[in-house]
Amino acid sequence: MSKLSDLRSKGKMVTLSNGMEIKIKPMTLGEEADIGEYHQKEKVFQAISLMVKGAIKRAIPDATDEEIDELNKDDLKTISDVVFEINGLAKGDDKKNSKPSPPLKKG
């Protein structure tokens, strides 16, 4: 492994309604690019779906698309919330991570 391996995000554990724990990891750079294309095309639901499915596939590699599509809404919301949080997309993240603009100079 290279020196970059220390910079990988550790992710976050999530407990689903049946008690199973899975580790949700952030998107990869390639996934962000794919999702960005959907966002530019105003296909936000498809972008969110890709993000959540990708996170589940990383956490449970043998999960099928059908199994993922049939997850209950509560677990999908739990996973979605964590996906947004660890990828810096949760509500208020833009305010936490942004620096205030310097004051304008008069004159």
PDB file of N, CA and C in Angstrom:
ATOM      1  N   MET A   1       0.843  -1.185   0.000  1.00  0.00           N
ATOM      2  CA  MET A   1       0.000   0.000   0.000  1.00  0.00           C
ATOM      3  C   MET A   1       0.882   1.239   0.000  1.00  0.00           C
ATOM      4  N   SER A   2       0.357   2.287  -0.600  1.00  0.00           N
ATOM      5  CA  SER A   2       1.109   3.533  -0.673  1.00  0.00           C
ATOM      6  C   SER A   2       0.851   4.393   0.558  1.00  0.00           C
ATOM      7  N   LYS A   3       1.490   5.530   0.577  1.00  0.00           N
ATOM      8  CA  LYS A   3       1.296   6.478   1.679  1.00  0.00           C
ATOM      9  C   LYS A   3      -0.142   6.983   1.739  1.00  0.00           C
ATOM     10  N   LEU A   4      -0.842   6.928   0.617  1.00  0.00           N
ATOM     11  CA  LEU A   4      -2.227   7.404   0.584  1.00  0.00           C
ATOM     12  C   LEU A   4      -3.180   6.517   1.387  1.00  0.00           C
ATOM     13  N   SER A   5      -2.793   5.285   1.649  1.00  0.00           N
ATOM     14  CA  SER A   5      -3.698   4.386   2.359  1.00  0.00           C
ATOM     15  C   SER A   5      -4.078   4.921   3.737  1.00  0.00           C
ATOM     16  N   ASP A   6      -3.205   5.726   4.338  1.00  0.00           N
ATOM     17  CA  ASP A   6      -3.521   6.328   5.641  1.00  0.00           C
ATOM     18  C   ASP A   6      -4.581   7.415   5.544  1.00  0.00           C
ATOM     19  N   LEU A   7      -4.832   7.911   4.340  1.00  0.00           N
ATOM     20  CA  LEU A   7      -5.766   9.015   4.160  1.00  0.00           C
ATOM     21  C   LEU A   7      -7.180   8.541   3.843  1.00  0.00           C
ATOM     22  N   ARG A   8      -7.357   7.242   3.704  1.00  0.00           N
ATOM     23  CA  ARG A   8      -8.694   6.732   3.403  1.00  0.00           C
ATOM     24  C   ARG A   8      -9.621   6.959   4.581  1.00  0.00           C
ATOM     25  N   SER A   9     -10.871   7.277   4.266  1.00  0.00           N
ATOM     26  CA  SER A   9     -11.868   7.473   5.316  1.00  0.00           C
ATOM     27  C   SER A   9     -12.177   6.135   5.971  1.00  0.00           C
ATOM     28  N   LYS A  10     -12.437   6.194   7.235  1.00  0.00           N
ATOM     29  CA  LYS A  10     -12.745   4.984   7.988  1.00  0.00           C
ATOM     30  C   LYS A  10     -14.203   4.567   7.836  1.00  0.00           C
ATOM     31  N   GLY A  11     -15.059   5.473   7.398  1.00  0.00           N
ATOM     32  CA  GLY A  11     -16.467   5.156   7.254  1.00  0.00           C
ATOM     33  C   GLY A  11     -17.203   5.215   8.586  1.00  0.00           C
ATOM     34  N   LYS A  12     -18.420   4.687   8.588  1.00  0.00           N
ATOM     35  CA  LYS A  12     -19.253   4.743   9.791  1.00  0.00           C
ATOM     36  C   LYS A  12     -20.125   3.492   9.857  1.00  0.00           C
ATOM     37  N   MET A  13     -20.234   2.923  11.038  1.00  0.00           N
ATOM     38  CA  MET A  13     -21.074   1.746  11.243  1.00  0.00           C
ATOM     39  C   MET A  13     -22.539   2.165  11.354  1.00  0.00           C
ATOM     40  N   VAL A  14     -23.408   1.327  10.785  1.00  0.00           N
ATOM     41  CA  VAL A  14     -24.846   1.559  10.809  1.00  0.00           C
ATOM     42  C   VAL A  14     -25.512   0.275  11.274  1.00  0.00           C
ATOM     43  N   THR A  15     -26.481   0.401  12.151  1.00  0.00           N
ATOM     44  CA  THR A  15     -27.256  -0.755  12.597  1.00  0.00           C
ATOM     45  C   THR A  15     -28.613  -0.707  11.914  1.00  0.00           C
ATOM     46  N   LEU A  16     -28.936  -1.771  11.187  1.00  0.00           N
ATOM     47  CA  LEU A  16     -30.205  -1.845  10.462  1.00  0.00           C
ATOM     48  C   LEU A  16     -31.299  -2.404  11.366  1.00  0.00           C
ATOM     49  N   SER A  17     -32.526  -2.385  10.874  1.00  0.00           N
ATOM     50  CA  SER A  17     -33.683  -2.757  11.694  1.00  0.00           C
ATOM     51  C   SER A  17     -33.632  -4.196  12.200  1.00  0.00           C
ATOM     52  N   ASN A  18     -32.918  -5.084  11.517  1.00  0.00           N
ATOM     53  CA  ASN A  18     -32.830  -6.479  11.961  1.00  0.00           C
ATOM     54  C   ASN A  18     -31.640  -6.711  12.889  1.00  0.00           C
ATOM     55  N   GLY A  19     -30.934  -5.626  13.260  1.00  0.00           N
ATOM     56  CA  GLY A  19     -29.797  -5.729  14.161  1.00  0.00           C
ATOM     57  C   GLY A  19     -28.458  -5.900  13.452  1.00  0.00           C
ATOM     58  N   MET A  20     -28.484  -6.122  12.141  1.00  0.00           N
ATOM     59  CA  MET A  20     -27.245  -6.293  11.395  1.00  0.00           C
ATOM     60  C   MET A  20     -26.498  -4.966  11.328  1.00  0.00           C
ATOM     61  N   GLU A  21     -25.182  -5.026  11.528  1.00  0.00           N
ATOM     62  CA  GLU A  21     -24.345  -3.833  11.430  1.00  0.00           C
ATOM     63  C   GLU A  21     -23.551  -3.890  10.141  1.00  0.00           C
ATOM     64  N   ILE A  22     -23.515  -2.771   9.436  1.00  0.00           N
ATOM     65  CA  ILE A  22     -22.710  -2.674   8.230  1.00  0.00           C
ATOM     66  C   ILE A  22     -21.892  -1.395   8.292  1.00  0.00           C
ATOM     67  N   LYS A  23     -20.756  -1.412   7.616  1.00  0.00           N
ATOM     68  CA  LYS A  23     -19.899  -0.231   7.595  1.00  0.00           C
ATOM     69  C   LYS A  23     -20.109   0.502   6.274  1.00  0.00           C
ATOM     70  N   ILE A  24     -20.552   1.744   6.366  1.00  0.00           N
ATOM     71  CA  ILE A  24     -20.772   2.577   5.186  1.00  0.00           C
ATOM     72  C   ILE A  24     -19.513   3.394   4.959  1.00  0.00           C
ATOM     73  N   LYS A  25     -18.965   3.281   3.758  1.00  0.00           N
ATOM     74  CA  LYS A  25     -17.744   4.003   3.407  1.00  0.00           C
ATOM     75  C   LYS A  25     -18.072   5.101   2.411  1.00  0.00           C
ATOM     76  N   PRO A  26     -17.267   6.153   2.373  1.00  0.00           N
ATOM     77  CA  PRO A  26     -17.508   7.254   1.431  1.00  0.00           C
ATOM     78  C   PRO A  26     -17.354   6.803  -0.018  1.00  0.00           C
ATOM     79  N   MET A  27     -17.896   7.619  -0.903  1.00  0.00           N
ATOM     80  CA  MET A  27     -17.780   7.357  -2.333  1.00  0.00           C
ATOM     81  C   MET A  27     -16.326   7.460  -2.767  1.00  0.00           C
ATOM     82  N   THR A  28     -16.022   6.759  -3.832  1.00  0.00           N
ATOM     83  CA  THR A  28     -14.702   6.885  -4.441  1.00  0.00           C
ATOM     84  C   THR A  28     -14.729   8.080  -5.391  1.00  0.00           C
ATOM     85  N   LEU A  29     -13.567   8.509  -5.816  1.00  0.00           N
ATOM     86  CA  LEU A  29     -13.480   9.626  -6.750  1.00  0.00           C
ATOM     87  C   LEU A  29     -14.230   9.310  -8.041  1.00  0.00           C
ATOM     88  N   GLY A  30     -14.109   8.090  -8.531  1.00  0.00           N
ATOM     89  CA  GLY A  30     -14.813   7.691  -9.750  1.00  0.00           C
ATOM     90  C   GLY A  30     -16.320   7.733  -9.585  1.00  0.00           C
ATOM     91  N   GLU A  31     -16.805   7.294  -8.430  1.00  0.00           N
ATOM     92  CA  GLU A  31     -18.248   7.326  -8.175  1.00  0.00           C
ATOM     93  C   GLU A  31     -18.754   8.761  -8.113  1.00  0.00           C
ATOM     94  N   GLU A  32     -17.966   9.637  -7.508  1.00  0.00           N
ATOM     95  CA  GLU A  32     -18.370  11.040  -7.442  1.00  0.00           C
ATOM     96  C   GLU A  32     -18.510  11.627  -8.839  1.00  0.00           C
ATOM     97  N   ALA A  33     -17.614  11.260  -9.744  1.00  0.00           N
ATOM     98  CA  ALA A  33     -17.685  11.756 -11.113  1.00  0.00           C
ATOM     99  C   ALA A  33     -18.944  11.240 -11.804  1.00  0.00           C
ATOM    100  N   ASP A  34     -19.250   9.943 -11.618  1.00  0.00           N
ATOM    101  CA  ASP A  34     -20.457   9.369 -12.224  1.00  0.00           C
ATOM    102  C   ASP A  34     -21.705  10.059 -11.704  1.00  0.00           C
ATOM    103  N   ILE A  35     -21.751  10.281 -10.407  1.00  0.00           N
ATOM    104  CA  ILE A  35     -22.917  10.913  -9.794  1.00  0.00           C
ATOM    105  C   ILE A  35     -23.016  12.368 -10.223  1.00  0.00           C
ATOM    106  N   GLY A  36     -21.883  13.028 -10.387  1.00  0.00           N
ATOM    107  CA  GLY A  36     -21.878  14.406 -10.851  1.00  0.00           C
ATOM    108  C   GLY A  36     -22.529  14.550 -12.213  1.00  0.00           C
ATOM    109  N   GLU A  37     -22.346  13.548 -13.070  1.00  0.00           N
ATOM    110  CA  GLU A  37     -22.981  13.586 -14.392  1.00  0.00           C
ATOM    111  C   GLU A  37     -24.501  13.567 -14.256  1.00  0.00           C
ATOM    112  N   TYR A  38     -25.024  12.739 -13.365  1.00  0.00           N
ATOM    113  CA  TYR A  38     -26.468  12.700 -13.150  1.00  0.00           C
ATOM    114  C   TYR A  38     -26.961  14.034 -12.600  1.00  0.00           C
ATOM    115  N   HIS A  39     -26.205  14.600 -11.676  1.00  0.00           N
ATOM    116  CA  HIS A  39     -26.611  15.860 -11.060  1.00  0.00           C
ATOM    117  C   HIS A  39     -26.691  16.961 -12.110  1.00  0.00           C
ATOM    118  N   GLN A  40     -25.729  16.988 -13.031  1.00  0.00           N
ATOM    119  CA  GLN A  40     -25.741  18.001 -14.082  1.00  0.00           C
ATOM    120  C   GLN A  40     -26.943  17.823 -14.995  1.00  0.00           C
ATOM    121  N   LYS A  41     -27.408  16.606 -15.140  1.00  0.00           N
ATOM    122  CA  LYS A  41     -28.556  16.326 -15.992  1.00  0.00           C
ATOM    123  C   LYS A  41     -29.862  16.430 -15.217  1.00  0.00           C
ATOM    124  N   GLU A  42     -29.773  16.926 -14.001  1.00  0.00           N
ATOM    125  CA  GLU A  42     -30.928  17.091 -13.121  1.00  0.00           C
ATOM    126  C   GLU A  42     -31.668  15.773 -12.874  1.00  0.00           C
ATOM    127  N   LYS A  43     -30.893  14.723 -12.717  1.00  0.00           N
ATOM    128  CA  LYS A  43     -31.447  13.417 -12.378  1.00  0.00           C
ATOM    129  C   LYS A  43     -31.004  13.086 -10.960  1.00  0.00           C
ATOM    130  N   VAL A  44     -31.466  13.887 -10.039  1.00  0.00           N
ATOM    131  CA  VAL A  44     -31.019  13.795  -8.653  1.00  0.00           C
ATOM    132  C   VAL A  44     -31.395  12.453  -8.026  1.00  0.00           C
ATOM    133  N   PHE A  45     -32.590  11.958  -8.295  1.00  0.00           N
ATOM    134  CA  PHE A  45     -32.996  10.684  -7.706  1.00  0.00           C
ATOM    135  C   PHE A  45     -32.069   9.563  -8.151  1.00  0.00           C
ATOM    136  N   GLN A  46     -31.687   9.548  -9.435  1.00  0.00           N
ATOM    137  CA  GLN A  46     -30.763   8.528  -9.920  1.00  0.00           C
ATOM    138  C   GLN A  46     -29.405   8.667  -9.241  1.00  0.00           C
ATOM    139  N   ALA A  47     -28.967   9.895  -9.025  1.00  0.00           N
ATOM    140  CA  ALA A  47     -27.685  10.130  -8.352  1.00  0.00           C
ATOM    141  C   ALA A  47     -27.722   9.595  -6.923  1.00  0.00           C
ATOM    142  N   ILE A  48     -28.795   9.892  -6.215  1.00  0.00           N
ATOM    143  CA  ILE A  48     -28.941   9.402  -4.833  1.00  0.00           C
ATOM    144  C   ILE A  48     -28.991   7.878  -4.818  1.00  0.00           C
ATOM    145  N   SER A  49     -29.733   7.300  -5.747  1.00  0.00           N
ATOM    146  CA  SER A  49     -29.843   5.845  -5.835  1.00  0.00           C
ATOM    147  C   SER A  49     -28.473   5.215  -6.064  1.00  0.00           C
ATOM    148  N   LEU A  50     -27.671   5.785  -6.954  1.00  0.00           N
ATOM    149  CA  LEU A  50     -26.324   5.278  -7.202  1.00  0.00           C
ATOM    150  C   LEU A  50     -25.455   5.367  -5.954  1.00  0.00           C
ATOM    151  N   MET A  51     -25.559   6.479  -5.240  1.00  0.00           N
ATOM    152  CA  MET A  51     -24.768   6.665  -4.023  1.00  0.00           C
ATOM    153  C   MET A  51     -25.105   5.608  -2.990  1.00  0.00           C
ATOM    154  N   VAL A  52     -26.390   5.399  -2.759  1.00  0.00           N
ATOM    155  CA  VAL A  52     -26.832   4.460  -1.732  1.00  0.00           C
ATOM    156  C   VAL A  52     -26.508   3.025  -2.142  1.00  0.00           C
ATOM    157  N   LYS A  53     -26.789   2.675  -3.397  1.00  0.00           N
ATOM    158  CA  LYS A  53     -26.483   1.315  -3.858  1.00  0.00           C
ATOM    159  C   LYS A  53     -24.981   1.049  -3.792  1.00  0.00           C
ATOM    160  N   GLY A  54     -24.187   2.024  -4.178  1.00  0.00           N
ATOM    161  CA  GLY A  54     -22.737   1.860  -4.116  1.00  0.00           C
ATOM    162  C   GLY A  54     -22.262   1.635  -2.697  1.00  0.00           C
ATOM    163  N   ALA A  55     -22.815   2.386  -1.756  1.00  0.00           N
ATOM    164  CA  ALA A  55     -22.437   2.234  -0.351  1.00  0.00           C
ATOM    165  C   ALA A  55     -22.817   0.854   0.169  1.00  0.00           C
ATOM    166  N   ILE A  56     -23.991   0.391  -0.197  1.00  0.00           N
ATOM    167  CA  ILE A  56     -24.430  -0.935   0.253  1.00  0.00           C
ATOM    168  C   ILE A  56     -23.551  -2.018  -0.367  1.00  0.00           C
ATOM    169  N   LYS A  57     -23.240  -1.877  -1.642  1.00  0.00           N
ATOM    170  CA  LYS A  57     -22.392  -2.873  -2.323  1.00  0.00           C
ATOM    171  C   LYS A  57     -20.996  -2.924  -1.701  1.00  0.00           C
ATOM    172  N   ARG A  58     -20.458  -1.773  -1.291  1.00  0.00           N
ATOM    173  CA  ARG A  58     -19.144  -1.775  -0.628  1.00  0.00           C
ATOM    174  C   ARG A  58     -19.235  -2.443   0.742  1.00  0.00           C
ATOM    175  N   ALA A  59     -20.364  -2.245   1.427  1.00  0.00           N
ATOM    176  CA  ALA A  59     -20.541  -2.823   2.768  1.00  0.00           C
ATOM    177  C   ALA A  59     -20.862  -4.312   2.704  1.00  0.00           C
ATOM    178  N   ILE A  60     -21.647  -4.708   1.704  1.00  0.00           N
ATOM    179  CA  ILE A  60     -22.076  -6.103   1.551  1.00  0.00           C
ATOM    180  C   ILE A  60     -21.880  -6.484   0.082  1.00  0.00           C
ATOM    181  N   PRO A  61     -20.658  -6.862  -0.294  1.00  0.00           N
ATOM    182  CA  PRO A  61     -20.347  -7.103  -1.710  1.00  0.00           C
ATOM    183  C   PRO A  61     -21.225  -8.135  -2.413  1.00  0.00           C
ATOM    184  N   ASP A  62     -21.767  -9.110  -1.686  1.00  0.00           N
ATOM    185  CA  ASP A  62     -22.581 -10.129  -2.352  1.00  0.00           C
ATOM    186  C   ASP A  62     -24.072  -9.765  -2.408  1.00  0.00           C
ATOM    187  N   ALA A  63     -24.439  -8.563  -1.957  1.00  0.00           N
ATOM    188  CA  ALA A  63     -25.837  -8.123  -2.040  1.00  0.00           C
ATOM    189  C   ALA A  63     -26.223  -7.954  -3.507  1.00  0.00           C
ATOM    190  N   THR A  64     -27.404  -8.434  -3.853  1.00  0.00           N
ATOM    191  CA  THR A  64     -27.871  -8.294  -5.238  1.00  0.00           C
ATOM    192  C   THR A  64     -28.639  -6.986  -5.396  1.00  0.00           C
ATOM    193  N   ASP A  65     -28.746  -6.540  -6.647  1.00  0.00           N
ATOM    194  CA  ASP A  65     -29.520  -5.325  -6.918  1.00  0.00           C
ATOM    195  C   ASP A  65     -30.964  -5.491  -6.467  1.00  0.00           C
ATOM    196  N   GLU A  66     -31.510  -6.683  -6.665  1.00  0.00           N
ATOM    197  CA  GLU A  66     -32.889  -6.948  -6.258  1.00  0.00           C
ATOM    198  C   GLU A  66     -33.046  -6.819  -4.741  1.00  0.00           C
ATOM    199  N   GLU A  67     -32.103  -7.368  -3.989  1.00  0.00           N
ATOM    200  CA  GLU A  67     -32.164  -7.261  -2.533  1.00  0.00           C
ATOM    201  C   GLU A  67     -32.095  -5.803  -2.097  1.00  0.00           C
ATOM    202  N   ILE A  68     -31.212  -5.063  -2.715  1.00  0.00           N
ATOM    203  CA  ILE A  68     -31.061  -3.646  -2.370  1.00  0.00           C
ATOM    204  C   ILE A  68     -32.338  -2.882  -2.707  1.00  0.00           C
ATOM    205  N   ASP A  69     -32.909  -3.152  -3.881  1.00  0.00           N
ATOM    206  CA  ASP A  69     -34.134  -2.464  -4.299  1.00  0.00           C
ATOM    207  C   ASP A  69     -35.307  -2.761  -3.370  1.00  0.00           C
ATOM    208  N   GLU A  70     -35.266  -3.901  -2.680  1.00  0.00           N
ATOM    209  CA  GLU A  70     -36.383  -4.297  -1.823  1.00  0.00           C
ATOM    210  C   GLU A  70     -36.163  -3.985  -0.347  1.00  0.00           C
ATOM    211  N   LEU A  71     -35.092  -3.255  -0.016  1.00  0.00           N
ATOM    212  CA  LEU A  71     -34.880  -2.868   1.381  1.00  0.00           C
ATOM    213  C   LEU A  71     -36.033  -2.003   1.865  1.00  0.00           C
ATOM    214  N   ASN A  72     -36.347  -2.131   3.145  1.00  0.00           N
ATOM    215  CA  ASN A  72     -37.444  -1.315   3.681  1.00  0.00           C
ATOM    216  C   ASN A  72     -37.017   0.149   3.761  1.00  0.00           C
ATOM    217  N   LYS A  73     -37.991   1.015   3.768  1.00  0.00           N
ATOM    218  CA  LYS A  73     -37.744   2.468   3.708  1.00  0.00           C
ATOM    219  C   LYS A  73     -36.972   2.983   4.921  1.00  0.00           C
ATOM    220  N   ASP A  74     -37.210   2.406   6.096  1.00  0.00           N
ATOM    221  CA  ASP A  74     -36.501   2.862   7.291  1.00  0.00           C
ATOM    222  C   ASP A  74     -34.999   2.599   7.174  1.00  0.00           C
ATOM    223  N   ASP A  75     -34.633   1.402   6.713  1.00  0.00           N
ATOM    224  CA  ASP A  75     -33.220   1.085   6.556  1.00  0.00           C
ATOM    225  C   ASP A  75     -32.593   1.912   5.434  1.00  0.00           C
ATOM    226  N   LEU A  76     -33.336   2.120   4.352  1.00  0.00           N
ATOM    227  CA  LEU A  76     -32.820   2.962   3.270  1.00  0.00           C
ATOM    228  C   LEU A  76     -32.564   4.379   3.756  1.00  0.00           C
ATOM    229  N   LYS A  77     -33.463   4.897   4.583  1.00  0.00           N
ATOM    230  CA  LYS A  77     -33.272   6.249   5.120  1.00  0.00           C
ATOM    231  C   LYS A  77     -32.055   6.295   6.031  1.00  0.00           C
ATOM    232  N   THR A  78     -31.911   5.284   6.886  1.00  0.00           N
ATOM    233  CA  THR A  78     -30.759   5.218   7.784  1.00  0.00           C
ATOM    234  C   THR A  78     -29.460   5.219   6.981  1.00  0.00           C
ATOM    235  N   ILE A  79     -29.401   4.363   5.968  1.00  0.00           N
ATOM    236  CA  ILE A  79     -28.203   4.271   5.135  1.00  0.00           C
ATOM    237  C   ILE A  79     -27.987   5.565   4.367  1.00  0.00           C
ATOM    238  N   SER A  80     -29.052   6.125   3.784  1.00  0.00           N
ATOM    239  CA  SER A  80     -28.944   7.372   3.015  1.00  0.00           C
ATOM    240  C   SER A  80     -28.410   8.508   3.876  1.00  0.00           C
ATOM    241  N   ASP A  81     -28.921   8.610   5.096  1.00  0.00           N
ATOM    242  CA  ASP A  81     -28.470   9.678   5.996  1.00  0.00           C
ATOM    243  C   ASP A  81     -26.964   9.580   6.257  1.00  0.00           C
ATOM    244  N   VAL A  82     -26.480   8.352   6.479  1.00  0.00           N
ATOM    245  CA  VAL A  82     -25.058   8.163   6.743  1.00  0.00           C
ATOM    246  C   VAL A  82     -24.238   8.417   5.476  1.00  0.00           C
ATOM    247  N   VAL A  83     -24.743   7.984   4.327  1.00  0.00           N
ATOM    248  CA  VAL A  83     -24.047   8.235   3.056  1.00  0.00           C
ATOM    249  C   VAL A  83     -23.870   9.737   2.851  1.00  0.00           C
ATOM    250  N   PHE A  84     -24.925  10.496   3.082  1.00  0.00           N
ATOM    251  CA  PHE A  84     -24.831  11.960   2.937  1.00  0.00           C
ATOM    252  C   PHE A  84     -23.844  12.536   3.946  1.00  0.00           C
ATOM    253  N   GLU A  85     -23.912  12.065   5.176  1.00  0.00           N
ATOM    254  CA  GLU A  85     -23.040  12.588   6.233  1.00  0.00           C
ATOM    255  C   GLU A  85     -21.558  12.340   5.932  1.00  0.00           C
ATOM    256  N   ILE A  86     -21.202  11.108   5.615  1.00  0.00           N
ATOM    257  CA  ILE A  86     -19.781  10.797   5.441  1.00  0.00           C
ATOM    258  C   ILE A  86     -19.207  11.339   4.135  1.00  0.00           C
ATOM    259  N   ASN A  87     -20.091  11.720   3.215  1.00  0.00           N
ATOM    260  CA  ASN A  87     -19.629  12.313   1.960  1.00  0.00           C
ATOM    261  C   ASN A  87     -19.743  13.827   1.959  1.00  0.00           C
ATOM    262  N   GLY A  88     -20.073  14.407   3.126  1.00  0.00           N
ATOM    263  CA  GLY A  88     -20.149  15.863   3.235  1.00  0.00           C
ATOM    264  C   GLY A  88     -21.334  16.468   2.526  1.00  0.00           C
ATOM    265  N   LEU A  89     -22.417  15.713   2.404  1.00  0.00           N
ATOM    266  CA  LEU A  89     -23.598  16.195   1.678  1.00  0.00           C
ATOM    267  C   LEU A  89     -24.808  16.408   2.574  1.00  0.00           C
ATOM    268  N   ALA A  90     -24.621  16.240   3.880  1.00  0.00           N
ATOM    269  CA  ALA A  90     -25.735  16.406   4.814  1.00  0.00           C
ATOM    270  C   ALA A  90     -26.105  17.879   4.924  1.00  0.00           C
ATOM    271  N   LYS A  91     -27.341  18.138   5.284  1.00  0.00           N
ATOM    272  CA  LYS A  91     -27.787  19.518   5.451  1.00  0.00           C
ATOM    273  C   LYS A  91     -26.886  20.231   6.437  1.00  0.00           C
ATOM    274  N   GLY A  92     -26.454  21.419   6.089  1.00  0.00           N
ATOM    275  CA  GLY A  92     -25.610  22.211   6.960  1.00  0.00           C
ATOM    276  C   GLY A  92     -24.132  21.984   6.748  1.00  0.00           C
ATOM    277  N   ASP A  93     -23.755  20.932   5.979  1.00  0.00           N
ATOM    278  CA  ASP A  93     -22.334  20.671   5.747  1.00  0.00           C
ATOM    279  C   ASP A  93     -21.662  21.800   4.993  1.00  0.00           C
ATOM    280  N   ASP A  94     -22.398  22.445   4.096  1.00  0.00           N
ATOM    281  CA  ASP A  94     -21.790  23.540   3.347  1.00  0.00           C
ATOM    282  C   ASP A  94     -21.437  24.703   4.265  1.00  0.00           C
ATOM    283  N   LYS A  95     -22.199  24.876   5.330  1.00  0.00           N
ATOM    284  CA  LYS A  95     -21.916  25.951   6.276  1.00  0.00           C
ATOM    285  C   LYS A  95     -20.758  25.583   7.201  1.00  0.00           C
ATOM    286  N   LYS A  96     -20.683  24.291   7.601  1.00  0.00           N
ATOM    287  CA  LYS A  96     -19.614  23.853   8.486  1.00  0.00           C
ATOM    288  C   LYS A  96     -18.255  23.924   7.811  1.00  0.00           C
ATOM    289  N   ASN A  97     -18.211  23.584   6.544  1.00  0.00           N
ATOM    290  CA  ASN A  97     -16.942  23.467   5.847  1.00  0.00           C
ATOM    291  C   ASN A  97     -16.514  24.738   5.131  1.00  0.00           C
ATOM    292  N   SER A  98     -17.399  25.708   5.037  1.00  0.00           N
ATOM    293  CA  SER A  98     -17.033  26.913   4.306  1.00  0.00           C
ATOM    294  C   SER A  98     -16.414  27.935   5.260  1.00  0.00           C
ATOM    295  N   LYS A  99     -15.505  28.698   4.723  1.00  0.00           N
ATOM    296  CA  LYS A  99     -14.867  29.740   5.508  1.00  0.00           C
ATOM    297  C   LYS A  99     -15.578  31.051   5.207  1.00  0.00           C
ATOM    298  N   PRO A 100     -15.711  31.905   6.199  1.00  0.00           N
ATOM    299  CA  PRO A 100     -16.372  33.177   5.932  1.00  0.00           C
ATOM    300  C   PRO A 100     -15.536  34.018   4.968  1.00  0.00           C
ATOM    301  N   SER A 101     -16.227  34.765   4.156  1.00  0.00           N
ATOM    302  CA  SER A 101     -15.531  35.640   3.214  1.00  0.00           C
ATOM    303  C   SER A 101     -14.881  36.787   3.971  1.00  0.00           C
ATOM    304  N   PRO A 102     -13.709  37.210   3.494  1.00  0.00           N
ATOM    305  CA  PRO A 102     -13.060  38.353   4.164  1.00  0.00           C
ATOM    306  C   PRO A 102     -13.904  39.605   3.956  1.00  0.00           C
ATOM    307  N   PRO A 103     -13.843  40.544   4.879  1.00  0.00           N
ATOM    308  CA  PRO A 103     -14.640  41.761   4.718  1.00  0.00           C
ATOM    309  C   PRO A 103     -14.145  42.554   3.507  1.00  0.00           C
ATOM    310  N   LEU A 104     -15.096  43.234   2.876  1.00  0.00           N
ATOM    311  CA  LEU A 104     -14.753  44.053   1.717  1.00  0.00           C
ATOM    312  C   LEU A 104     -14.053  45.322   2.195  1.00  0.00           C
ATOM    313  N   LYS A 105     -13.058  45.722   1.437  1.00  0.00           N
ATOM    314  CA  LYS A 105     -12.338  46.950   1.769  1.00  0.00           C
ATOM    315  C   LYS A 105     -13.093  48.134   1.185  1.00  0.00           C
ATOM    316  N   LYS A 106     -13.208  49.162   1.986  1.00  0.00           N
ATOM    317  CA  LYS A 106     -13.884  50.368   1.517  1.00  0.00           C
ATOM    318  C   LYS A 106     -12.868  51.260   0.830  1.00  0.00           C
ATOM    319  N   GLY A 107     -13.323  51.901  -0.186  1.00  0.00           N
ATOM    320  CA  GLY A 107     -12.464  52.917  -0.784  1.00  0.00           C
ATOM    321  C   GLY A 107     -12.154  52.605  -2.142  1.00  0.00           C
TER     322      GLY A 107
END
